[in-house]
């Protein structure tokens, strides 16, 4: 049982990240114009589709972290670290692809891909920031529990 109180805001954010991840993939496959930045490029489509399973793993980990933290169960710490680490990793993978293939350059040009790439950049930054914040937040529970 966790001694430290759990932030309801953090729980809501974990659930929101999980839900938004699922919504993104529903849109990707069923409303492609809403989230696909370069649907005409086969390499982009192959790369993006490679994220589905890992994104679902991340969503599941955030849901499990939220569930166990609400119950003040130590498993919430484990799942929070898994979710946060997965989020940072996926953000790095996506960002590296965008950098290596000059995709972020489209942010500076007025065309159909400009808004899409701004959205991609926001997702990438959110992956880093919230992933790292999740790790730090749940790690503080270990310190509060005086686990050695």
Protein backbone atom coordinates (compact mmCIF):
# COMPACT_ATOMS: atom_id res chain seq x y z
CA UNK A 1 0.00 0.00 0.00
CA UNK A 2 1.37 3.41 -0.99
CA UNK A 3 1.72 5.95 1.81
CA UNK A 4 1.90 9.03 -0.41
CA UNK A 5 -1.32 10.52 -1.86
CA UNK A 6 -1.76 10.18 -5.60
CA UNK A 7 -2.42 13.26 -7.71
CA UNK A 8 -5.82 12.97 -9.38
CA UNK A 9 -4.51 15.27 -12.12
CA UNK A 10 -1.73 12.79 -12.88
CA UNK A 11 -4.24 9.92 -13.01
CA UNK A 12 -6.45 11.89 -15.41
CA UNK A 13 -3.41 12.66 -17.60
CA UNK A 14 -2.40 8.99 -17.71
CA UNK A 15 -5.90 7.97 -18.75
CA UNK A 16 -6.05 10.83 -21.28
CA UNK A 17 -2.77 9.76 -22.89
CA UNK A 18 -4.05 6.19 -23.19
CA UNK A 19 -7.39 7.26 -24.66
CA UNK A 20 -5.84 9.80 -27.06
CA UNK A 21 -3.39 7.17 -28.28
CA UNK A 22 -6.26 4.82 -29.13
CA UNK A 23 -8.21 7.65 -30.76
CA UNK A 24 -5.15 8.55 -32.87
CA UNK A 25 -4.98 5.03 -34.30
CA UNK A 26 -8.72 4.88 -34.93
CA UNK A 27 -8.35 8.12 -36.90
CA UNK A 28 -5.21 6.85 -38.66
CA UNK A 29 -7.03 3.84 -40.09
CA UNK A 30 -10.60 5.12 -40.43
CA UNK A 31 -10.21 8.90 -40.94
CA UNK A 32 -6.77 9.00 -42.58
CA UNK A 33 -6.90 12.64 -43.70
CA UNK A 34 -7.11 13.67 -40.05
CA UNK A 35 -3.69 12.40 -38.92
CA UNK A 36 -1.64 11.00 -41.81
CA UNK A 37 1.03 13.55 -42.74
CA UNK A 38 2.42 11.84 -45.87
CA UNK A 39 -0.04 9.13 -46.97
CA UNK A 40 1.37 9.11 -50.50
CA UNK A 41 4.81 7.99 -49.26
CA UNK A 42 5.03 4.19 -48.83
CA UNK A 43 8.04 4.47 -46.49
CA UNK A 44 6.14 6.85 -44.20
CA UNK A 45 3.11 4.57 -44.08
CA UNK A 46 5.23 1.49 -43.32
CA UNK A 47 7.09 3.37 -40.58
CA UNK A 48 3.92 4.75 -38.98
CA UNK A 49 2.13 1.40 -38.99
CA UNK A 50 5.08 -0.11 -37.11
CA UNK A 51 4.03 1.97 -34.07
CA UNK A 52 0.57 0.47 -33.53
CA UNK A 53 1.51 -2.40 -31.19
CA UNK A 54 4.01 -0.33 -29.21
CA UNK A 55 1.52 2.52 -28.82
CA UNK A 56 -1.12 0.08 -27.56
CA UNK A 57 1.44 -1.28 -25.08
CA UNK A 58 2.10 2.26 -23.87
CA UNK A 59 -1.64 2.99 -23.55
CA UNK A 60 -2.15 -0.24 -21.58
CA UNK A 61 0.77 0.63 -19.30
CA UNK A 62 -0.67 4.10 -18.59
CA UNK A 63 -4.10 2.59 -17.87
CA UNK A 64 -2.60 -0.01 -15.51
CA UNK A 65 -0.49 2.63 -13.77
CA UNK A 66 -3.56 4.81 -13.24
CA UNK A 67 -5.60 1.85 -11.98
CA UNK A 68 -3.00 0.66 -9.49
CA UNK A 69 -2.08 4.17 -8.30
CA UNK A 70 -5.75 4.86 -7.59
CA UNK A 71 -5.78 1.70 -5.47
CA UNK A 72 -2.52 2.89 -3.84
CA UNK A 73 -0.90 -0.34 -5.01
CA UNK A 74 2.88 -0.44 -5.60
CA UNK A 75 2.27 -1.95 -9.06
CA UNK A 76 1.29 1.57 -10.14
CA UNK A 77 4.94 2.58 -9.79
CA UNK A 78 6.12 -0.25 -12.03
CA UNK A 79 3.50 0.44 -14.70
CA UNK A 80 4.17 4.19 -14.54
CA UNK A 81 7.88 3.66 -15.18
CA UNK A 82 7.09 1.24 -18.04
CA UNK A 83 4.58 3.69 -19.56
CA UNK A 84 6.86 6.72 -19.20
CA UNK A 85 9.86 4.89 -20.62
CA UNK A 86 7.82 3.60 -23.54
CA UNK A 87 6.53 7.11 -24.24
CA UNK A 88 10.03 8.61 -24.32
CA UNK A 89 11.34 5.77 -26.49
CA UNK A 90 8.51 6.08 -29.02
CA UNK A 91 8.94 9.87 -29.11
CA UNK A 92 12.64 9.42 -29.85
CA UNK A 93 11.99 6.87 -32.60
CA UNK A 94 9.43 9.10 -34.29
CA UNK A 95 11.56 12.24 -33.93
CA UNK A 96 14.64 10.55 -35.34
CA UNK A 97 12.66 9.44 -38.41
CA UNK A 98 11.34 12.98 -38.86
CA UNK A 99 14.84 14.47 -38.53
CA UNK A 100 16.54 11.94 -40.82
CA UNK A 101 13.88 12.41 -43.49
CA UNK A 102 13.61 16.21 -43.18
CA UNK A 103 9.94 15.99 -42.18
CA UNK A 104 10.16 18.77 -39.58
CA UNK A 105 11.22 21.14 -42.41
CA UNK A 106 7.61 21.09 -43.61
CA UNK A 107 6.71 23.13 -40.51
CA UNK A 108 8.34 26.15 -42.15
CA UNK A 109 6.59 25.86 -45.52
CA UNK A 110 3.02 26.76 -46.20
CA UNK A 111 1.55 23.58 -47.64
CA UNK A 112 -0.79 20.73 -46.77
CA UNK A 113 1.83 19.01 -44.59
CA UNK A 114 2.63 22.07 -42.47
CA UNK A 115 -0.23 21.62 -39.98
CA UNK A 116 0.30 17.84 -39.96
CA UNK A 117 3.96 18.24 -39.02
CA UNK A 118 3.18 20.81 -36.33
CA UNK A 119 0.79 18.22 -34.89
CA UNK A 120 3.57 15.57 -35.16
CA UNK A 121 6.01 17.87 -33.36
CA UNK A 122 3.50 18.45 -30.55
CA UNK A 123 3.00 14.68 -30.19
CA UNK A 124 6.77 14.13 -30.11
CA UNK A 125 7.34 16.83 -27.49
CA UNK A 126 4.43 15.56 -25.40
CA UNK A 127 5.92 12.06 -25.56
CA UNK A 128 9.19 13.32 -24.11
CA UNK A 129 7.75 15.66 -21.52
CA UNK A 130 4.93 13.52 -20.16
CA UNK A 131 6.95 10.30 -20.42
CA UNK A 132 9.81 11.79 -18.39
CA UNK A 133 7.38 13.45 -15.96
CA UNK A 134 5.60 10.12 -15.41
CA UNK A 135 8.87 8.38 -14.58
CA UNK A 136 9.90 11.13 -12.15
CA UNK A 137 6.44 11.31 -10.57
CA UNK A 138 6.10 7.59 -9.87
CA UNK A 139 9.75 7.30 -8.85
CA UNK A 140 9.03 9.75 -6.04
CA UNK A 141 6.68 7.14 -4.58
CA UNK A 142 9.66 4.85 -4.09
CA UNK A 143 11.42 7.57 -2.10
CA UNK A 144 8.25 8.17 -0.06
CA UNK A 145 7.99 4.45 0.69
CA UNK A 146 11.64 4.37 1.73
CA UNK A 147 12.18 1.37 -0.55
CA UNK A 148 15.83 0.32 -0.78
